Amino acid sequence: MKVERRPTASLYPVPVVLVTSADQDGKPNIITIAWAGVVCSQPPMVGIAIRPSRYSHQLISRSQELVVNIPSADHLSRVDYCGMVSGRDVDKFQATGFTPLPASRVRPPLIKECPVNLECVVRHILPLGSHDLFVAEIVADHADEEVLDGSGRVDPKRAKPLAYNSQQRYWSIDMEIGTYGISRKNRAL
């Protein structure tokens, strides 16, 4: 039997990403975001939701640029920290030991320790309520060679991405259980 509950943000799991931005002087900042996802294939776009009160919201709104850095589970404590303190008060690169690398197409830096980095230009900002949705086009894609498989795709077992659930818990995602089109192959529904 189903139990009806009050509406909540219960879609899970969601990816955990580190979004970098920069102020007008080029000083970088990092924010941990769990409300993130792919929103378009052509052109490739991602969406990230940020509360307007957050420092990163201000920086990204001004510059219209960001980098989505996909961290590894190996960096969980530093990832969590970047979501617990404000860049208004703390230099998160200095505090965490993350290394900023110059991006090729935008001002905010890549995070060296993250195996995948997506440089993005904001195309739309949609106010939603508690959060604003930034829809951003991916203009450059970087990946560590060590996390790529033989066909040049990111291997989650090697990249060890993080996920977040609605009970405020982090999870690692590193096990394949099927492929797109499996229902056609098995014909067992």
N, C-alpha and C. Protein backbone atom coordinates (compact mmCIF):
# COMPACT_ATOMS: atom_id res chain seq x y z
N MET A 1 0.84 -1.17 0.00
CA MET A 1 0.00 0.00 0.00
C MET A 1 0.89 1.25 0.00
N LYS A 2 0.52 2.23 -0.80
CA LYS A 2 1.25 3.50 -0.87
C LYS A 2 0.79 4.42 0.25
N VAL A 3 1.71 5.20 0.80
CA VAL A 3 1.40 6.20 1.81
C VAL A 3 1.64 7.57 1.18
N GLU A 4 0.61 8.39 1.14
CA GLU A 4 0.79 9.74 0.59
C GLU A 4 1.45 10.62 1.64
N ARG A 5 2.49 11.32 1.20
CA ARG A 5 3.25 12.20 2.09
C ARG A 5 3.15 13.63 1.58
N ARG A 6 3.58 14.55 2.41
CA ARG A 6 3.59 15.94 1.94
C ARG A 6 4.64 16.06 0.83
N PRO A 7 4.42 16.95 -0.14
CA PRO A 7 5.40 17.10 -1.22
C PRO A 7 6.75 17.58 -0.69
N THR A 8 7.80 16.89 -1.10
CA THR A 8 9.17 17.26 -0.74
C THR A 8 10.06 17.06 -1.96
N ALA A 9 11.28 17.50 -1.87
CA ALA A 9 12.27 17.28 -2.93
C ALA A 9 12.83 15.87 -2.79
N SER A 10 12.01 14.88 -3.06
CA SER A 10 12.36 13.48 -2.81
C SER A 10 12.97 12.77 -4.00
N LEU A 11 13.26 13.48 -5.07
CA LEU A 11 13.91 12.84 -6.20
C LEU A 11 15.33 12.49 -5.77
N TYR A 12 15.67 11.24 -5.88
CA TYR A 12 17.00 10.80 -5.44
C TYR A 12 17.46 9.62 -6.26
N PRO A 13 18.73 9.34 -6.33
CA PRO A 13 19.80 10.21 -5.87
C PRO A 13 20.02 11.34 -6.86
N VAL A 14 20.71 12.36 -6.42
CA VAL A 14 21.10 13.46 -7.29
C VAL A 14 22.62 13.60 -7.22
N PRO A 15 23.24 14.05 -8.31
CA PRO A 15 24.69 14.17 -8.27
C PRO A 15 25.15 15.29 -7.33
N VAL A 16 26.32 15.11 -6.78
CA VAL A 16 26.95 16.15 -5.97
C VAL A 16 28.07 16.72 -6.82
N VAL A 17 28.03 18.04 -7.02
CA VAL A 17 29.06 18.71 -7.81
C VAL A 17 29.62 19.90 -7.04
N LEU A 18 30.79 20.30 -7.43
CA LEU A 18 31.41 21.53 -6.92
C LEU A 18 31.38 22.54 -8.05
N VAL A 19 30.73 23.66 -7.83
CA VAL A 19 30.62 24.69 -8.85
C VAL A 19 31.58 25.82 -8.50
N THR A 20 32.44 26.16 -9.44
CA THR A 20 33.35 27.27 -9.23
C THR A 20 32.84 28.49 -9.98
N SER A 21 33.09 29.63 -9.36
CA SER A 21 32.75 30.93 -9.93
C SER A 21 33.89 31.86 -9.58
N ALA A 22 33.81 33.11 -10.06
CA ALA A 22 34.86 34.08 -9.75
C ALA A 22 34.25 35.46 -9.62
N ASP A 23 34.84 36.27 -8.73
CA ASP A 23 34.36 37.65 -8.61
C ASP A 23 34.96 38.50 -9.73
N GLN A 24 34.63 39.79 -9.75
CA GLN A 24 35.08 40.67 -10.83
C GLN A 24 36.59 40.83 -10.87
N ASP A 25 37.28 40.54 -9.77
CA ASP A 25 38.74 40.60 -9.74
C ASP A 25 39.39 39.25 -10.06
N GLY A 26 38.57 38.25 -10.31
CA GLY A 26 39.09 36.93 -10.64
C GLY A 26 39.30 36.01 -9.46
N LYS A 27 38.95 36.45 -8.23
CA LYS A 27 39.11 35.59 -7.06
C LYS A 27 38.07 34.47 -7.13
N PRO A 28 38.51 33.22 -7.09
CA PRO A 28 37.59 32.10 -7.26
C PRO A 28 36.85 31.70 -5.98
N ASN A 29 35.73 31.05 -6.18
CA ASN A 29 34.93 30.51 -5.08
C ASN A 29 34.42 29.13 -5.48
N ILE A 30 34.06 28.34 -4.47
CA ILE A 30 33.51 27.00 -4.68
C ILE A 30 32.23 26.87 -3.88
N ILE A 31 31.20 26.26 -4.47
CA ILE A 31 29.99 25.90 -3.73
C ILE A 31 29.64 24.45 -4.06
N THR A 32 29.21 23.73 -3.05
CA THR A 32 28.72 22.36 -3.25
C THR A 32 27.25 22.44 -3.63
N ILE A 33 26.89 21.74 -4.70
CA ILE A 33 25.51 21.75 -5.21
C ILE A 33 25.04 20.31 -5.38
N ALA A 34 23.85 20.03 -4.88
CA ALA A 34 23.24 18.73 -5.12
C ALA A 34 22.04 18.85 -6.06
N TRP A 35 21.52 20.05 -6.24
CA TRP A 35 20.41 20.24 -7.17
C TRP A 35 21.03 20.56 -8.53
N ALA A 36 21.45 19.51 -9.25
CA ALA A 36 22.14 19.66 -10.53
C ALA A 36 21.78 18.52 -11.46
N GLY A 37 21.83 18.79 -12.75
CA GLY A 37 21.58 17.72 -13.70
C GLY A 37 21.67 18.18 -15.14
N VAL A 38 21.69 17.23 -16.04
CA VAL A 38 21.68 17.49 -17.47
C VAL A 38 20.28 17.95 -17.85
N VAL A 39 20.18 19.01 -18.66
CA VAL A 39 18.86 19.50 -19.07
C VAL A 39 18.68 19.53 -20.58
N CYS A 40 19.76 19.34 -21.35
CA CYS A 40 19.66 19.35 -22.81
C CYS A 40 20.87 18.63 -23.40
N SER A 41 20.64 17.93 -24.54
CA SER A 41 21.73 17.24 -25.22
C SER A 41 22.39 18.09 -26.29
N GLN A 42 21.58 18.79 -27.09
CA GLN A 42 22.10 19.63 -28.17
C GLN A 42 21.50 21.01 -28.11
N PRO A 43 22.20 22.04 -27.71
CA PRO A 43 23.58 21.99 -27.22
C PRO A 43 23.62 21.37 -25.84
N PRO A 44 24.78 20.83 -25.45
CA PRO A 44 24.86 20.23 -24.12
C PRO A 44 24.69 21.28 -23.04
N MET A 45 23.72 21.05 -22.14
CA MET A 45 23.44 22.01 -21.07
C MET A 45 23.20 21.30 -19.76
N VAL A 46 23.56 22.00 -18.68
CA VAL A 46 23.28 21.53 -17.33
C VAL A 46 22.45 22.58 -16.62
N GLY A 47 21.78 22.14 -15.58
CA GLY A 47 21.04 23.06 -14.73
C GLY A 47 21.53 22.89 -13.31
N ILE A 48 21.73 24.01 -12.63
CA ILE A 48 22.07 23.98 -11.21
C ILE A 48 21.17 24.97 -10.50
N ALA A 49 20.69 24.59 -9.34
CA ALA A 49 19.80 25.46 -8.57
C ALA A 49 20.55 25.98 -7.34
N ILE A 50 20.48 27.30 -7.15
CA ILE A 50 21.19 27.96 -6.05
C ILE A 50 20.24 28.94 -5.38
N ARG A 51 20.27 28.97 -4.06
CA ARG A 51 19.50 29.97 -3.31
C ARG A 51 20.04 31.37 -3.61
N PRO A 52 19.17 32.36 -3.83
CA PRO A 52 19.63 33.72 -4.10
C PRO A 52 20.49 34.32 -2.98
N SER A 53 20.38 33.83 -1.76
CA SER A 53 21.17 34.38 -0.66
C SER A 53 22.62 33.91 -0.69
N ARG A 54 22.94 32.92 -1.49
CA ARG A 54 24.29 32.38 -1.52
C ARG A 54 25.25 33.30 -2.28
N TYR A 55 26.45 33.36 -1.81
CA TYR A 55 27.49 34.19 -2.43
C TYR A 55 27.71 33.78 -3.89
N SER A 56 27.74 32.49 -4.16
CA SER A 56 27.97 32.00 -5.53
C SER A 56 26.86 32.47 -6.48
N HIS A 57 25.63 32.57 -5.98
CA HIS A 57 24.52 33.07 -6.81
C HIS A 57 24.87 34.46 -7.33
N GLN A 58 25.35 35.30 -6.44
CA GLN A 58 25.74 36.67 -6.80
C GLN A 58 26.85 36.65 -7.86
N LEU A 59 27.88 35.85 -7.64
CA LEU A 59 29.02 35.80 -8.56
C LEU A 59 28.62 35.30 -9.94
N ILE A 60 27.84 34.22 -9.98
CA ILE A 60 27.44 33.63 -11.26
C ILE A 60 26.45 34.55 -11.99
N SER A 61 25.56 35.18 -11.25
CA SER A 61 24.62 36.12 -11.88
C SER A 61 25.37 37.26 -12.58
N ARG A 62 26.42 37.75 -11.96
CA ARG A 62 27.21 38.85 -12.54
C ARG A 62 28.03 38.40 -13.74
N SER A 63 28.73 37.30 -13.60
CA SER A 63 29.68 36.88 -14.64
C SER A 63 29.05 36.06 -15.75
N GLN A 64 27.95 35.36 -15.43
CA GLN A 64 27.28 34.47 -16.39
C GLN A 64 28.19 33.29 -16.80
N GLU A 65 29.13 32.94 -15.91
CA GLU A 65 30.03 31.82 -16.16
C GLU A 65 30.20 30.98 -14.91
N LEU A 66 30.47 29.69 -15.11
CA LEU A 66 30.70 28.77 -14.00
C LEU A 66 31.39 27.53 -14.52
N VAL A 67 31.95 26.77 -13.62
CA VAL A 67 32.49 25.46 -13.96
C VAL A 67 31.86 24.44 -13.03
N VAL A 68 31.29 23.38 -13.61
CA VAL A 68 30.77 22.27 -12.84
C VAL A 68 31.90 21.25 -12.74
N ASN A 69 32.38 21.03 -11.52
CA ASN A 69 33.46 20.09 -11.25
C ASN A 69 32.84 18.87 -10.57
N ILE A 70 33.07 17.70 -11.14
CA ILE A 70 32.49 16.48 -10.58
C ILE A 70 33.53 15.83 -9.68
N PRO A 71 33.29 15.88 -8.35
CA PRO A 71 34.30 15.36 -7.42
C PRO A 71 34.24 13.84 -7.29
N SER A 72 35.30 13.32 -6.72
CA SER A 72 35.40 11.89 -6.42
C SER A 72 35.00 11.67 -4.96
N ALA A 73 34.52 10.48 -4.67
CA ALA A 73 34.17 10.13 -3.29
C ALA A 73 35.38 10.26 -2.36
N ASP A 74 36.59 10.21 -2.92
CA ASP A 74 37.80 10.36 -2.12
C ASP A 74 37.89 11.72 -1.44
N HIS A 75 37.13 12.69 -1.94
CA HIS A 75 37.21 14.06 -1.42
C HIS A 75 35.95 14.47 -0.66
N LEU A 76 35.22 13.51 -0.13
CA LEU A 76 33.93 13.79 0.49
C LEU A 76 33.99 14.87 1.57
N SER A 77 34.95 14.81 2.46
CA SER A 77 35.01 15.78 3.55
C SER A 77 35.20 17.20 3.02
N ARG A 78 36.07 17.35 2.01
CA ARG A 78 36.29 18.68 1.44
C ARG A 78 35.06 19.15 0.65
N VAL A 79 34.39 18.22 -0.01
CA VAL A 79 33.17 18.55 -0.76
C VAL A 79 32.10 19.06 0.21
N ASP A 80 31.91 18.34 1.30
CA ASP A 80 30.93 18.74 2.30
C ASP A 80 31.27 20.11 2.87
N TYR A 81 32.53 20.34 3.19
CA TYR A 81 32.98 21.61 3.75
C TYR A 81 32.60 22.79 2.84
N CYS A 82 32.78 22.62 1.54
CA CYS A 82 32.49 23.70 0.59
C CYS A 82 31.01 24.07 0.57
N GLY A 83 30.16 23.21 1.08
CA GLY A 83 28.74 23.51 1.19
C GLY A 83 28.34 24.02 2.56
N MET A 84 29.26 23.99 3.51
CA MET A 84 28.95 24.37 4.89
C MET A 84 29.39 25.79 5.26
N VAL A 85 30.32 26.36 4.49
CA VAL A 85 30.82 27.70 4.79
C VAL A 85 30.61 28.61 3.58
N SER A 86 30.59 29.90 3.81
CA SER A 86 30.38 30.87 2.73
C SER A 86 31.70 31.40 2.20
N GLY A 87 31.76 31.54 0.90
CA GLY A 87 32.91 32.15 0.25
C GLY A 87 33.04 33.63 0.56
N ARG A 88 32.00 34.22 1.13
CA ARG A 88 32.12 35.61 1.59
C ARG A 88 33.15 35.71 2.73
N ASP A 89 33.25 34.62 3.51
CA ASP A 89 34.07 34.61 4.72
C ASP A 89 35.33 33.78 4.61
N VAL A 90 35.35 32.81 3.71
CA VAL A 90 36.44 31.83 3.65
C VAL A 90 36.91 31.64 2.22
N ASP A 91 38.23 31.59 2.03
CA ASP A 91 38.80 31.20 0.74
C ASP A 91 38.78 29.67 0.73
N LYS A 92 37.82 29.10 0.03
CA LYS A 92 37.63 27.65 0.08
C LYS A 92 38.75 26.88 -0.60
N PHE A 93 39.40 27.47 -1.60
CA PHE A 93 40.55 26.80 -2.20
C PHE A 93 41.67 26.66 -1.16
N GLN A 94 41.93 27.73 -0.45
CA GLN A 94 42.97 27.70 0.57
C GLN A 94 42.58 26.75 1.72
N ALA A 95 41.35 26.82 2.17
CA ALA A 95 40.91 26.02 3.31
C ALA A 95 40.90 24.53 3.02
N THR A 96 40.55 24.15 1.78
CA THR A 96 40.43 22.72 1.45
C THR A 96 41.67 22.12 0.83
N GLY A 97 42.54 22.97 0.31
CA GLY A 97 43.71 22.46 -0.40
C GLY A 97 43.40 22.08 -1.84
N PHE A 98 42.18 22.34 -2.31
CA PHE A 98 41.88 22.11 -3.72
C PHE A 98 42.75 23.05 -4.56
N THR A 99 43.10 22.60 -5.77
CA THR A 99 43.99 23.36 -6.64
C THR A 99 43.21 23.96 -7.80
N PRO A 100 43.22 25.31 -7.94
CA PRO A 100 42.55 25.91 -9.09
C PRO A 100 43.43 25.79 -10.34
N LEU A 101 42.81 25.40 -11.45
CA LEU A 101 43.51 25.35 -12.74
C LEU A 101 42.80 26.30 -13.70
N PRO A 102 43.53 27.00 -14.55
CA PRO A 102 42.88 27.90 -15.50
C PRO A 102 41.95 27.12 -16.44
N ALA A 103 40.78 27.69 -16.68
CA ALA A 103 39.85 27.12 -17.65
C ALA A 103 40.24 27.63 -19.03
N SER A 104 39.75 26.98 -20.07
CA SER A 104 40.10 27.38 -21.43
C SER A 104 39.12 28.38 -22.03
N ARG A 105 37.85 28.40 -21.53
CA ARG A 105 36.83 29.23 -22.18
C ARG A 105 36.12 30.20 -21.24
N VAL A 106 36.26 30.03 -19.91
CA VAL A 106 35.58 30.89 -18.94
C VAL A 106 36.58 31.33 -17.87
N ARG A 107 36.21 32.34 -17.09
CA ARG A 107 37.10 32.86 -16.04
C ARG A 107 37.20 31.97 -14.80
N PRO A 108 36.09 31.38 -14.31
CA PRO A 108 36.23 30.54 -13.11
C PRO A 108 37.16 29.35 -13.39
N PRO A 109 37.91 28.93 -12.38
CA PRO A 109 38.86 27.85 -12.58
C PRO A 109 38.23 26.46 -12.50
N LEU A 110 38.97 25.50 -13.05
CA LEU A 110 38.68 24.09 -12.84
C LEU A 110 39.25 23.73 -11.48
N ILE A 111 38.76 22.64 -10.89
CA ILE A 111 39.37 22.09 -9.68
C ILE A 111 40.18 20.87 -10.12
N LYS A 112 41.50 20.95 -9.96
CA LYS A 112 42.41 19.90 -10.43
C LYS A 112 42.03 18.52 -9.89
N GLU A 113 41.67 18.45 -8.61
CA GLU A 113 41.41 17.16 -7.97
C GLU A 113 40.11 16.50 -8.44
N CYS A 114 39.24 17.23 -9.10
CA CYS A 114 37.99 16.65 -9.63
C CYS A 114 38.28 16.00 -10.97
N PRO A 115 37.89 14.74 -11.17
CA PRO A 115 38.24 14.04 -12.40
C PRO A 115 37.52 14.56 -13.65
N VAL A 116 36.41 15.28 -13.48
CA VAL A 116 35.68 15.83 -14.63
C VAL A 116 35.33 17.28 -14.34
N ASN A 117 35.50 18.13 -15.35
CA ASN A 117 35.22 19.56 -15.21
C ASN A 117 34.48 20.04 -16.46
N LEU A 118 33.38 20.74 -16.27
CA LEU A 118 32.57 21.25 -17.38
C LEU A 118 32.53 22.77 -17.32
N GLU A 119 33.16 23.42 -18.28
CA GLU A 119 33.11 24.87 -18.36
C GLU A 119 31.77 25.27 -18.96
N CYS A 120 31.11 26.24 -18.35
CA CYS A 120 29.75 26.59 -18.76
C CYS A 120 29.52 28.09 -18.85
N VAL A 121 28.64 28.46 -19.78
CA VAL A 121 28.16 29.83 -19.92
C VAL A 121 26.66 29.81 -19.65
N VAL A 122 26.21 30.68 -18.76
CA VAL A 122 24.79 30.73 -18.37
C VAL A 122 23.96 31.26 -19.55
N ARG A 123 22.90 30.55 -19.88
CA ARG A 123 21.98 30.95 -20.95
C ARG A 123 20.65 31.45 -20.41
N HIS A 124 20.23 30.93 -19.24
CA HIS A 124 18.95 31.33 -18.64
C HIS A 124 19.06 31.26 -17.12
N ILE A 125 18.35 32.16 -16.45
CA ILE A 125 18.18 32.08 -15.00
C ILE A 125 16.69 32.11 -14.74
N LEU A 126 16.18 31.07 -14.11
CA LEU A 126 14.75 30.94 -13.86
C LEU A 126 14.47 30.96 -12.37
N PRO A 127 13.83 32.01 -11.85
CA PRO A 127 13.46 32.02 -10.43
C PRO A 127 12.38 30.97 -10.18
N LEU A 128 12.58 30.15 -9.16
CA LEU A 128 11.65 29.05 -8.89
C LEU A 128 10.93 29.15 -7.55
N GLY A 129 11.49 29.83 -6.60
CA GLY A 129 10.99 29.87 -5.23
C GLY A 129 12.19 30.01 -4.32
N SER A 130 12.51 28.96 -3.55
CA SER A 130 13.67 29.02 -2.66
C SER A 130 14.99 29.06 -3.44
N HIS A 131 14.98 28.58 -4.68
CA HIS A 131 16.18 28.51 -5.51
C HIS A 131 15.91 29.16 -6.87
N ASP A 132 17.00 29.60 -7.52
CA ASP A 132 16.96 30.01 -8.92
C ASP A 132 17.69 28.94 -9.71
N LEU A 133 17.13 28.60 -10.88
CA LEU A 133 17.74 27.60 -11.75
C LEU A 133 18.61 28.30 -12.78
N PHE A 134 19.90 27.97 -12.78
CA PHE A 134 20.83 28.46 -13.79
C PHE A 134 20.94 27.37 -14.86
N VAL A 135 20.53 27.70 -16.06
CA VAL A 135 20.67 26.78 -17.19
C VAL A 135 21.91 27.24 -17.96
N ALA A 136 22.90 26.37 -18.04
CA ALA A 136 24.19 26.76 -18.59
C ALA A 136 24.65 25.80 -19.68
N GLU A 137 25.14 26.37 -20.76
CA GLU A 137 25.66 25.58 -21.87
C GLU A 137 27.10 25.15 -21.57
N ILE A 138 27.40 23.89 -21.80
CA ILE A 138 28.76 23.37 -21.62
C ILE A 138 29.56 23.77 -22.85
N VAL A 139 30.61 24.59 -22.64
CA VAL A 139 31.42 25.07 -23.76
C VAL A 139 32.78 24.39 -23.82
N ALA A 140 33.16 23.67 -22.78
CA ALA A 140 34.39 22.88 -22.77
C ALA A 140 34.23 21.78 -21.73
N ASP A 141 34.78 20.62 -22.03
CA ASP A 141 34.65 19.43 -21.18
C ASP A 141 36.05 18.86 -20.96
N HIS A 142 36.44 18.67 -19.70
CA HIS A 142 37.77 18.15 -19.37
C HIS A 142 37.61 16.90 -18.51
N ALA A 143 38.50 15.93 -18.72
CA ALA A 143 38.48 14.72 -17.89
C ALA A 143 39.91 14.22 -17.71
N ASP A 144 40.19 13.70 -16.52
CA ASP A 144 41.48 13.07 -16.26
C ASP A 144 41.57 11.80 -17.10
N GLU A 145 42.71 11.58 -17.73
CA GLU A 145 42.89 10.38 -18.56
C GLU A 145 42.60 9.11 -17.77
N GLU A 146 42.95 9.10 -16.48
CA GLU A 146 42.81 7.89 -15.66
C GLU A 146 41.37 7.44 -15.49
N VAL A 147 40.39 8.34 -15.69
CA VAL A 147 39.00 7.95 -15.48
C VAL A 147 38.28 7.61 -16.78
N LEU A 148 38.99 7.67 -17.91
CA LEU A 148 38.38 7.38 -19.20
C LEU A 148 38.53 5.90 -19.55
N ASP A 149 37.48 5.37 -20.19
CA ASP A 149 37.56 3.99 -20.66
C ASP A 149 38.17 3.98 -22.07
N GLY A 150 38.22 2.83 -22.69
CA GLY A 150 38.83 2.68 -24.01
C GLY A 150 38.17 3.49 -25.11
N SER A 151 36.91 3.88 -24.93
CA SER A 151 36.21 4.67 -25.95
C SER A 151 36.18 6.16 -25.62
N GLY A 152 36.90 6.56 -24.57
CA GLY A 152 36.98 7.97 -24.22
C GLY A 152 35.85 8.48 -23.35
N ARG A 153 35.04 7.57 -22.81
CA ARG A 153 33.95 7.95 -21.92
C ARG A 153 34.40 7.82 -20.46
N VAL A 154 33.78 8.63 -19.60
CA VAL A 154 34.11 8.56 -18.18
C VAL A 154 33.60 7.24 -17.61
N ASP A 155 34.47 6.52 -16.95
CA ASP A 155 34.13 5.27 -16.28
C ASP A 155 33.82 5.58 -14.82
N PRO A 156 32.55 5.45 -14.40
CA PRO A 156 32.19 5.77 -13.01
C PRO A 156 32.98 4.99 -11.97
N LYS A 157 33.40 3.78 -12.29
CA LYS A 157 34.20 3.02 -11.33
C LYS A 157 35.52 3.72 -11.05
N ARG A 158 36.06 4.35 -12.05
CA ARG A 158 37.33 5.06 -11.89
C ARG A 158 37.12 6.46 -11.31
N ALA A 159 36.06 7.14 -11.74
CA ALA A 159 35.80 8.52 -11.31
C ALA A 159 35.21 8.59 -9.90
N LYS A 160 34.49 7.56 -9.50
CA LYS A 160 33.87 7.47 -8.17
C LYS A 160 33.04 8.71 -7.80
N PRO A 161 32.02 9.04 -8.63
CA PRO A 161 31.20 10.22 -8.32
C PRO A 161 30.36 10.04 -7.07
N LEU A 162 29.90 11.15 -6.55
CA LEU A 162 29.06 11.18 -5.35
C LEU A 162 27.61 11.45 -5.71
N ALA A 163 26.72 10.97 -4.87
CA ALA A 163 25.30 11.28 -4.99
C ALA A 163 24.80 11.70 -3.61
N TYR A 164 23.64 12.32 -3.62
CA TYR A 164 23.02 12.83 -2.39
C TYR A 164 21.58 12.40 -2.40
N ASN A 165 21.04 12.06 -1.23
CA ASN A 165 19.63 11.69 -1.20
C ASN A 165 18.84 12.66 -0.33
N SER A 166 17.54 12.49 -0.32
CA SER A 166 16.67 13.44 0.39
C SER A 166 16.76 13.32 1.91
N GLN A 167 17.49 12.35 2.42
CA GLN A 167 17.68 12.22 3.87
C GLN A 167 19.02 12.80 4.31
N GLN A 168 19.59 13.69 3.50
CA GLN A 168 20.86 14.36 3.77
C GLN A 168 22.01 13.38 3.96
N ARG A 169 22.10 12.42 3.05
CA ARG A 169 23.15 11.41 3.08
C ARG A 169 23.89 11.41 1.74
N TYR A 170 25.20 11.23 1.81
CA TYR A 170 26.02 11.08 0.61
C TYR A 170 26.14 9.60 0.26
N TRP A 171 26.22 9.31 -1.02
CA TRP A 171 26.41 7.95 -1.50
C TRP A 171 27.46 7.96 -2.60
N SER A 172 28.18 6.87 -2.73
CA SER A 172 29.07 6.74 -3.89
C SER A 172 28.32 5.95 -4.96
N ILE A 173 28.67 6.21 -6.18
CA ILE A 173 28.01 5.51 -7.29
C ILE A 173 29.13 4.93 -8.15
N ASP A 174 29.31 3.62 -8.08
CA ASP A 174 30.40 3.04 -8.84
C ASP A 174 30.13 1.61 -9.31
N MET A 175 28.85 1.25 -9.42
CA MET A 175 28.55 -0.10 -9.86
C MET A 175 27.55 -0.07 -11.02
N GLU A 176 27.92 -0.66 -12.14
CA GLU A 176 27.02 -0.75 -13.28
C GLU A 176 26.08 -1.94 -13.09
N ILE A 177 24.79 -1.70 -13.35
CA ILE A 177 23.82 -2.79 -13.23
C ILE A 177 23.05 -3.04 -14.53
N GLY A 178 23.35 -2.28 -15.57
CA GLY A 178 22.69 -2.47 -16.85
C GLY A 178 23.10 -1.40 -17.83
N THR A 179 22.61 -1.51 -19.06
CA THR A 179 22.91 -0.53 -20.09
C THR A 179 21.61 -0.06 -20.73
N TYR A 180 21.67 1.11 -21.38
CA TYR A 180 20.52 1.64 -22.09
C TYR A 180 20.08 0.61 -23.14
N GLY A 181 18.81 0.30 -23.18
CA GLY A 181 18.28 -0.67 -24.12
C GLY A 181 18.21 -2.08 -23.58
N ILE A 182 18.52 -2.26 -22.30
CA ILE A 182 18.50 -3.60 -21.71
C ILE A 182 17.13 -4.26 -21.83
N SER A 183 16.08 -3.47 -21.80
CA SER A 183 14.73 -4.04 -21.90
C SER A 183 14.52 -4.69 -23.26
N ARG A 184 15.12 -4.17 -24.31
CA ARG A 184 15.00 -4.77 -25.63
C ARG A 184 15.78 -6.06 -25.74
N LYS A 185 16.91 -6.10 -25.06
CA LYS A 185 17.76 -7.29 -25.11
C LYS A 185 17.14 -8.45 -24.34
N ASN A 186 16.59 -8.14 -23.17
CA ASN A 186 16.06 -9.18 -22.30
C ASN A 186 14.62 -9.55 -22.61
N ARG A 187 13.87 -8.61 -23.13
CA ARG A 187 12.44 -8.79 -23.41
C ARG A 187 11.65 -9.25 -22.19
N ALA A 188 12.25 -9.10 -21.02
CA ALA A 188 11.55 -9.48 -19.78
C ALA A 188 11.22 -8.23 -19.01
N LEU A 189 9.95 -7.88 -18.98
CA LEU A 189 9.57 -6.68 -18.24
C LEU A 189 8.79 -7.04 -17.03
